[in-house]
């Protein structure tokens, strides 16, 4: 059983609004991202309404029937065993059957030094585009250079921005981390002890780490008592073991913030085993995390990153780039916060949506 939400004090609420505003300002509202569906080009329009309109089932704006069939592309993944990546690959498997694409997946198993070899191997096998999925952006410029030299487009899918990427499709981590961070602060009553289980090896998780720390700084009565970088790969077990070790050291611990759901699931198990009244928050929204939230586990909030939608965006970008068309340089998806009140009760996945945030 976890502590219920408490009403925020006026001081805490005002500080929270300020923190969210600062993080939201990191993303500039310029124009609608057009990934092949209907975007909005009116930057002065109602952003919330435009985003929410695409949140309905089937309203993601990506029409697979418009995509050319028969392409051959490569997808390089950091770690296929990571839960979020596995969900994305399941989505890609469904998509490639519908559009009759050959998608060769190369799992580098957590070793960024394997990316150059993966790129050259895919090029030798006549890949028409290369998707970099959840890779560290450091070093990717040189790794993908052979693709650029060969005129083969490169798409970054949650791999951040790097020279050599023809397009970047990402989740708006500034907003997502603001949501879970402020949820955490509110549930703590804006005071008490918190542990951070971090990972900064990807641009996405590095942004999450920046935001949660900036939010915590707004609340002087919140104290970080553990600040741990979790080992990846092996994150679930490492997070479990680290959490089990520090729970006994901090009898007043209220919350554990986690950089992504695999880490949160390890912490969730350790908290349940301890019987402690400590809640866990995270980002990604993988099925096991959603199920934990449904059951009322310590893992009580996450932001849903719609990986299957990301794969749709990826193939839409690849299709247009292969055809020599222009695409947005950077496009964002929004990630709704999921709690016991908003998780789909029928066991289905929530719906993500493309937002009007765009950085060209």
Protein backbone atom coordinates (compact mmCIF):
# COMPACT_ATOMS: atom_id res chain seq x y z
CA UNK A 1 0.00 0.00 0.00
CA UNK A 2 1.35 3.40 -0.92
CA UNK A 3 0.60 6.78 0.57
CA UNK A 4 -2.31 8.55 -1.19
CA UNK A 5 -1.88 11.87 -2.91
CA UNK A 6 -1.91 14.84 -0.58
CA UNK A 7 -3.27 18.26 -1.44
CA UNK A 8 -0.41 20.60 -2.35
CA UNK A 9 0.29 23.65 -0.30
CA UNK A 10 -0.10 26.99 -2.07
CA UNK A 11 3.67 27.49 -1.93
CA UNK A 12 4.33 24.02 -3.31
CA UNK A 13 1.78 24.40 -6.07
CA UNK A 14 3.21 27.72 -7.23
CA UNK A 15 6.71 26.30 -7.27
CA UNK A 16 5.51 23.29 -9.20
CA UNK A 17 3.88 25.43 -11.85
CA UNK A 18 7.11 27.38 -12.20
CA UNK A 19 9.16 24.23 -12.65
CA UNK A 20 6.81 22.83 -15.26
CA UNK A 21 6.81 26.10 -17.15
CA UNK A 22 10.60 26.22 -17.22
CA UNK A 23 10.86 22.70 -18.59
CA UNK A 24 8.08 23.21 -21.12
CA UNK A 25 9.84 26.29 -22.41
CA UNK A 26 12.70 24.05 -23.51
CA UNK A 27 10.51 22.93 -26.45
CA UNK A 28 9.60 25.68 -28.89
CA UNK A 29 6.13 25.60 -30.45
CA UNK A 30 6.86 26.46 -34.07
CA UNK A 31 4.83 24.31 -36.40
CA UNK A 32 3.06 20.99 -36.86
CA UNK A 33 5.14 17.89 -37.50
CA UNK A 34 3.96 16.33 -40.74
CA UNK A 35 4.99 12.69 -40.93
CA UNK A 36 2.64 11.90 -43.78
CA UNK A 37 -0.64 12.61 -42.00
CA UNK A 38 -2.44 15.83 -41.17
CA UNK A 39 -0.38 18.25 -39.08
CA UNK A 40 -1.06 21.80 -38.01
CA UNK A 41 0.95 24.69 -39.35
CA UNK A 42 -0.71 27.37 -37.23
CA UNK A 43 1.70 28.06 -34.38
CA UNK A 44 -0.79 30.47 -32.81
CA UNK A 45 -3.53 27.85 -32.59
CA UNK A 46 -4.75 25.90 -29.61
CA UNK A 47 -1.81 23.55 -28.99
CA UNK A 48 -3.60 21.42 -26.42
CA UNK A 49 -6.61 20.90 -28.69
CA UNK A 50 -4.43 20.09 -31.69
CA UNK A 51 -2.46 17.50 -29.75
CA UNK A 52 -5.47 15.94 -28.05
CA UNK A 53 -7.33 15.65 -31.34
CA UNK A 54 -4.74 13.14 -32.52
CA UNK A 55 -4.85 11.15 -29.29
CA UNK A 56 -7.97 9.19 -30.22
CA UNK A 57 -7.57 5.57 -31.41
CA UNK A 58 -6.50 5.58 -35.03
CA UNK A 59 -5.88 9.31 -34.93
CA UNK A 60 -2.10 9.24 -34.96
CA UNK A 61 -1.89 10.91 -38.36
CA UNK A 62 0.18 8.14 -40.00
CA UNK A 63 -1.56 6.51 -42.96
CA UNK A 64 0.36 3.36 -43.83
CA UNK A 65 -1.64 2.93 -47.05
CA UNK A 66 0.27 5.89 -48.53
CA UNK A 67 3.69 4.30 -47.95
CA UNK A 68 5.48 2.62 -50.85
CA UNK A 69 5.78 -1.14 -50.51
CA UNK A 70 8.83 -3.37 -50.92
CA UNK A 71 11.61 -1.29 -49.35
CA UNK A 72 14.57 -2.85 -47.55
CA UNK A 73 15.83 -1.00 -44.47
CA UNK A 74 18.06 -1.67 -41.49
CA UNK A 75 17.30 -0.97 -37.84
CA UNK A 76 20.15 -0.83 -35.32
CA UNK A 77 19.07 -1.30 -31.70
CA UNK A 78 21.07 -0.80 -28.52
CA UNK A 79 19.51 -3.71 -26.64
CA UNK A 80 16.58 -5.80 -27.84
CA UNK A 81 16.03 -7.15 -24.32
CA UNK A 82 15.07 -3.69 -22.99
CA UNK A 83 11.30 -3.67 -22.50
CA UNK A 84 10.60 -0.44 -24.41
CA UNK A 85 12.74 -1.59 -27.36
CA UNK A 86 10.96 -4.94 -27.40
CA UNK A 87 7.59 -3.20 -27.62
CA UNK A 88 8.88 -1.05 -30.49
CA UNK A 89 10.17 -4.07 -32.38
CA UNK A 90 6.82 -5.83 -31.96
CA UNK A 91 5.21 -2.76 -33.49
CA UNK A 92 7.70 -2.79 -36.36
CA UNK A 93 7.00 -6.46 -37.04
CA UNK A 94 3.30 -5.67 -37.45
CA UNK A 95 3.98 -2.65 -39.66
CA UNK A 96 6.45 -4.34 -42.01
CA UNK A 97 3.94 -7.07 -42.79
CA UNK A 98 1.32 -4.48 -43.68
CA UNK A 99 3.61 -2.49 -45.99
CA UNK A 100 5.66 -5.45 -47.24
CA UNK A 101 9.03 -4.11 -46.13
CA UNK A 102 12.12 -6.12 -45.30
CA UNK A 103 13.47 -4.78 -41.99
CA UNK A 104 16.77 -6.22 -40.82
CA UNK A 105 17.27 -5.66 -37.08
CA UNK A 106 20.82 -5.55 -35.71
CA UNK A 107 21.07 -5.78 -31.91
CA UNK A 108 24.40 -4.38 -30.70
CA UNK A 109 23.68 -5.78 -27.19
CA UNK A 110 24.65 -2.63 -25.31
CA UNK A 111 27.98 -2.13 -27.14
CA UNK A 112 28.09 1.24 -28.97
CA UNK A 113 31.43 0.29 -30.54
CA UNK A 114 29.50 -2.22 -32.67
CA UNK A 115 27.52 0.51 -34.50
CA UNK A 116 30.07 1.20 -37.30
CA UNK A 117 30.20 -2.49 -38.20
CA UNK A 118 26.41 -2.69 -38.12
CA UNK A 119 26.15 0.28 -40.50
CA UNK A 120 28.67 -1.07 -43.01
CA UNK A 121 27.08 -4.51 -42.85
CA UNK A 122 23.61 -3.12 -43.60
CA UNK A 123 25.00 -1.07 -46.48
CA UNK A 124 26.68 -4.15 -47.93
CA UNK A 125 23.29 -5.86 -47.85
CA UNK A 126 21.71 -2.99 -49.82
CA UNK A 127 19.71 -1.30 -47.06
CA UNK A 128 17.88 1.72 -48.54
CA UNK A 129 17.69 3.51 -45.16
CA UNK A 130 19.07 2.99 -41.67
CA UNK A 131 17.06 3.54 -38.48
CA UNK A 132 19.12 4.15 -35.33
CA UNK A 133 16.88 3.03 -32.46
CA UNK A 134 17.67 4.06 -28.86
CA UNK A 135 21.42 4.40 -29.51
CA UNK A 136 23.79 6.76 -27.63
CA UNK A 137 24.23 9.79 -29.89
CA UNK A 138 27.92 10.16 -28.99
CA UNK A 139 30.02 8.81 -31.86
CA UNK A 140 27.08 8.26 -34.21
CA UNK A 141 28.23 11.02 -36.56
CA UNK A 142 31.28 9.00 -37.61
CA UNK A 143 29.49 5.66 -37.37
CA UNK A 144 26.84 6.63 -39.92
CA UNK A 145 29.17 8.58 -42.24
CA UNK A 146 29.43 5.67 -44.73
CA UNK A 147 25.65 5.81 -45.11
CA UNK A 148 25.75 9.53 -45.87
CA UNK A 149 28.57 8.99 -48.35
CA UNK A 150 26.46 6.36 -50.09
CA UNK A 151 23.37 8.57 -50.16
CA UNK A 152 21.47 6.27 -47.79
CA UNK A 153 19.25 8.23 -45.39
CA UNK A 154 19.69 7.86 -41.63
CA UNK A 155 16.79 8.32 -39.20
CA UNK A 156 17.30 8.77 -35.46
CA UNK A 157 14.57 7.13 -33.40
CA UNK A 158 15.08 8.26 -29.78
CA UNK A 159 18.80 8.40 -30.47
CA UNK A 160 19.02 12.17 -30.17
CA UNK A 161 20.41 14.71 -32.59
CA UNK A 162 23.71 14.08 -34.32
CA UNK A 163 25.36 15.21 -37.55
CA UNK A 164 24.54 12.71 -40.27
CA UNK A 165 20.95 12.12 -39.16
CA UNK A 166 18.55 13.16 -41.91
CA UNK A 167 15.62 13.21 -39.48
CA UNK A 168 15.06 12.80 -35.75
CA UNK A 169 11.86 11.34 -34.27
CA UNK A 170 11.78 11.59 -30.51
CA UNK A 171 9.57 11.75 -27.46
CA UNK A 172 9.35 15.11 -25.72
CA UNK A 173 11.34 14.06 -22.68
CA UNK A 174 11.35 17.59 -21.22
CA UNK A 175 7.60 17.43 -20.82
CA UNK A 176 7.43 13.76 -19.79
CA UNK A 177 9.98 14.14 -17.04
CA UNK A 178 8.25 17.29 -15.82
CA UNK A 179 5.03 15.33 -15.50
CA UNK A 180 6.43 12.42 -13.52
CA UNK A 181 8.73 14.67 -11.46
CA UNK A 182 5.89 16.95 -10.38
CA UNK A 183 3.64 13.96 -9.69
CA UNK A 184 6.40 12.63 -7.45
CA UNK A 185 6.82 15.94 -5.62
CA UNK A 186 3.08 16.30 -5.08
CA UNK A 187 2.69 12.76 -3.80
CA UNK A 188 5.59 13.34 -1.40
CA UNK A 189 3.83 16.43 -0.09
CA UNK A 190 6.78 18.51 -1.34
CA UNK A 191 9.03 17.22 1.44
CA UNK A 192 10.95 14.15 2.54
CA UNK A 193 13.55 11.74 1.19
CA UNK A 194 13.83 10.50 -2.37
CA UNK A 195 16.20 8.11 -4.15
CA UNK A 196 17.18 8.49 -7.81
CA UNK A 197 17.97 5.43 -9.94
CA UNK A 198 19.51 7.06 -12.96
CA UNK A 199 20.96 6.29 -16.39
CA UNK A 200 22.35 9.03 -18.61
CA UNK A 201 23.80 6.99 -21.47
CA UNK A 202 21.07 8.07 -23.90
CA UNK A 203 20.03 11.61 -24.75
CA UNK A 204 16.46 10.77 -23.70
CA UNK A 205 17.42 9.58 -20.22
CA UNK A 206 19.95 12.39 -19.83
CA UNK A 207 17.14 14.91 -20.38
CA UNK A 208 14.95 13.09 -17.87
CA UNK A 209 17.78 13.30 -15.33
CA UNK A 210 18.26 17.04 -15.89
CA UNK A 211 14.57 17.80 -15.48
CA UNK A 212 13.96 15.80 -12.30
CA UNK A 213 16.93 17.47 -10.62
CA UNK A 214 15.76 20.92 -11.67
CA UNK A 215 12.29 20.18 -10.31
CA UNK A 216 13.64 18.86 -7.00
CA UNK A 217 15.73 22.02 -6.59
CA UNK A 218 12.47 23.96 -6.42
CA UNK A 219 11.53 22.19 -3.20
CA UNK A 220 14.13 22.70 -0.45
CA UNK A 221 12.36 20.25 1.86
CA UNK A 222 12.95 17.35 -0.54
CA UNK A 223 16.27 15.58 0.01
CA UNK A 224 18.02 13.19 -2.37
CA UNK A 225 19.47 10.46 -0.15
CA UNK A 226 20.58 8.03 -2.89
CA UNK A 227 21.78 8.99 -6.36
CA UNK A 228 22.73 5.85 -8.27
CA UNK A 229 23.59 5.21 -11.92
CA UNK A 230 22.20 1.79 -12.77
CA UNK A 231 24.16 -0.71 -14.86
CA UNK A 232 22.88 -1.19 -18.43
CA UNK A 233 22.44 -3.91 -19.73
CA UNK A 234 21.34 -5.82 -16.63
CA UNK A 235 19.32 -2.87 -15.40
CA UNK A 236 16.36 -4.72 -13.91
CA UNK A 237 18.45 -6.91 -11.62
CA UNK A 238 20.87 -4.13 -10.74
CA UNK A 239 18.00 -1.79 -9.82
CA UNK A 240 16.45 -4.51 -7.67
CA UNK A 241 19.67 -5.20 -5.82
CA UNK A 242 20.54 -1.51 -5.33
CA UNK A 243 17.05 -0.75 -4.05
CA UNK A 244 17.04 -3.71 -1.65
CA UNK A 245 20.38 -2.51 -0.28
CA UNK A 246 19.41 1.10 0.39
CA UNK A 247 15.88 0.58 1.68
CA UNK A 248 17.25 -0.56 5.03
CA UNK A 249 19.46 2.52 5.27
CA UNK A 250 16.64 5.02 4.87
CA UNK A 251 13.62 4.31 7.07
CA UNK A 252 12.04 7.66 6.11
CA UNK A 253 12.37 7.20 2.33
CA UNK A 254 9.17 8.21 0.51
CA UNK A 255 9.85 7.79 -3.18
CA UNK A 256 12.13 6.33 -5.84
CA UNK A 257 12.40 8.11 -9.19
CA UNK A 258 13.68 5.92 -12.03
CA UNK A 259 15.11 6.90 -15.41
CA UNK A 260 13.07 4.27 -17.28
CA UNK A 261 10.66 1.42 -16.67
CA UNK A 262 13.09 -1.52 -16.59
CA UNK A 263 14.80 0.18 -13.65
CA UNK A 264 11.45 0.97 -12.05
CA UNK A 265 10.31 -2.64 -12.32
CA UNK A 266 13.41 -3.82 -10.48
CA UNK A 267 12.84 -1.21 -7.77
CA UNK A 268 9.15 -2.12 -7.65
CA UNK A 269 9.93 -5.75 -6.85
CA UNK A 270 12.44 -4.81 -4.15
CA UNK A 271 9.96 -2.46 -2.46
CA UNK A 272 7.24 -5.12 -2.51
CA UNK A 273 9.62 -7.65 -0.99
CA UNK A 274 10.50 -5.20 1.78
CA UNK A 275 6.91 -4.37 2.64
CA UNK A 276 7.84 -0.68 2.79
CA UNK A 277 5.45 2.19 2.06
CA UNK A 278 7.57 3.68 -0.75
CA UNK A 279 6.28 4.57 -4.21
CA UNK A 280 8.12 4.42 -7.53
CA UNK A 281 7.81 6.61 -10.64
CA UNK A 282 9.27 6.29 -14.11
CA UNK A 283 8.91 6.92 -17.84
CA UNK A 284 8.23 4.64 -20.86
CA UNK A 285 4.93 2.88 -20.18
CA UNK A 286 5.93 -0.66 -21.10
CA UNK A 287 3.24 -3.33 -20.54
CA UNK A 288 4.71 -4.76 -17.27
CA UNK A 289 4.85 -1.23 -15.82
CA UNK A 290 1.25 -0.55 -16.83
CA UNK A 291 0.19 -3.83 -15.22
CA UNK A 292 2.01 -2.91 -12.00
CA UNK A 293 0.10 0.39 -11.93
CA UNK A 294 -3.20 -1.46 -12.52
CA UNK A 295 -2.50 -3.73 -9.54
CA UNK A 296 -1.70 -0.82 -7.21
CA UNK A 297 1.98 -1.75 -6.88
CA UNK A 298 4.60 0.68 -5.56
CA UNK A 299 5.24 1.58 -9.22
CA UNK A 300 2.44 4.11 -9.46
CA UNK A 301 3.17 6.47 -12.36
CA UNK A 302 4.91 6.47 -15.72
CA UNK A 303 4.68 8.40 -18.98
CA UNK A 304 3.62 6.35 -21.97
CA UNK A 305 6.07 6.50 -24.88
CA UNK A 306 4.14 5.02 -27.79
CA UNK A 307 6.86 2.87 -29.39
CA UNK A 308 4.61 1.34 -32.10
CA UNK A 309 3.67 4.87 -33.18
CA UNK A 310 7.38 5.76 -33.24
CA UNK A 311 7.94 2.85 -35.65
CA UNK A 312 5.14 4.17 -37.88
CA UNK A 313 6.83 7.56 -37.91
CA UNK A 314 10.17 5.90 -38.66
CA UNK A 315 8.92 4.06 -41.74
CA UNK A 316 7.04 7.16 -42.94
CA UNK A 317 10.24 9.23 -42.68
CA UNK A 318 12.28 6.50 -44.38
CA UNK A 319 9.77 6.19 -47.21
CA UNK A 320 9.81 9.90 -47.92
CA UNK A 321 13.59 10.23 -47.64
CA UNK A 322 14.15 7.27 -49.97
CA UNK A 323 11.91 9.06 -52.46
CA UNK A 324 14.01 12.21 -52.14
CA UNK A 325 11.32 14.20 -50.34
CA UNK A 326 11.83 16.76 -47.56
CA UNK A 327 10.90 15.82 -43.99
CA UNK A 328 10.98 17.69 -40.64
CA UNK A 329 14.47 17.75 -39.13
CA UNK A 330 13.13 16.99 -35.65
CA UNK A 331 9.67 15.82 -34.61
CA UNK A 332 8.28 15.04 -31.18
CA UNK A 333 5.66 12.71 -29.79
CA UNK A 334 3.87 13.55 -26.58
CA UNK A 335 3.68 11.02 -23.74
CA UNK A 336 0.66 11.16 -21.42
CA UNK A 337 1.19 10.42 -17.74
CA UNK A 338 -0.30 7.10 -16.65
CA UNK A 339 -1.51 6.48 -13.09
CA UNK A 340 -4.12 4.21 -11.52
CA UNK A 341 -6.72 6.75 -12.68
CA UNK A 342 -5.70 6.80 -16.34
CA UNK A 343 -4.27 3.35 -17.11
CA UNK A 344 -6.53 1.38 -19.52
CA UNK A 345 -8.38 -1.08 -17.34
CA UNK A 346 -8.79 -3.63 -20.13
CA UNK A 347 -5.06 -4.29 -20.35
CA UNK A 348 -4.60 -2.44 -23.63
CA UNK A 349 -1.92 0.14 -24.36
CA UNK A 350 -2.70 3.85 -24.05
CA UNK A 351 -2.55 6.08 -27.12
CA UNK A 352 0.35 8.39 -27.80
CA UNK A 353 0.14 11.17 -30.33
CA UNK A 354 2.28 13.41 -32.49
CA UNK A 355 2.43 16.89 -31.01
CA UNK A 356 2.71 20.27 -32.73
CA UNK A 357 6.17 20.72 -31.19
CA UNK A 358 8.78 21.06 -33.91
CA UNK A 359 12.39 22.14 -34.05
CA UNK A 360 13.62 22.55 -37.61
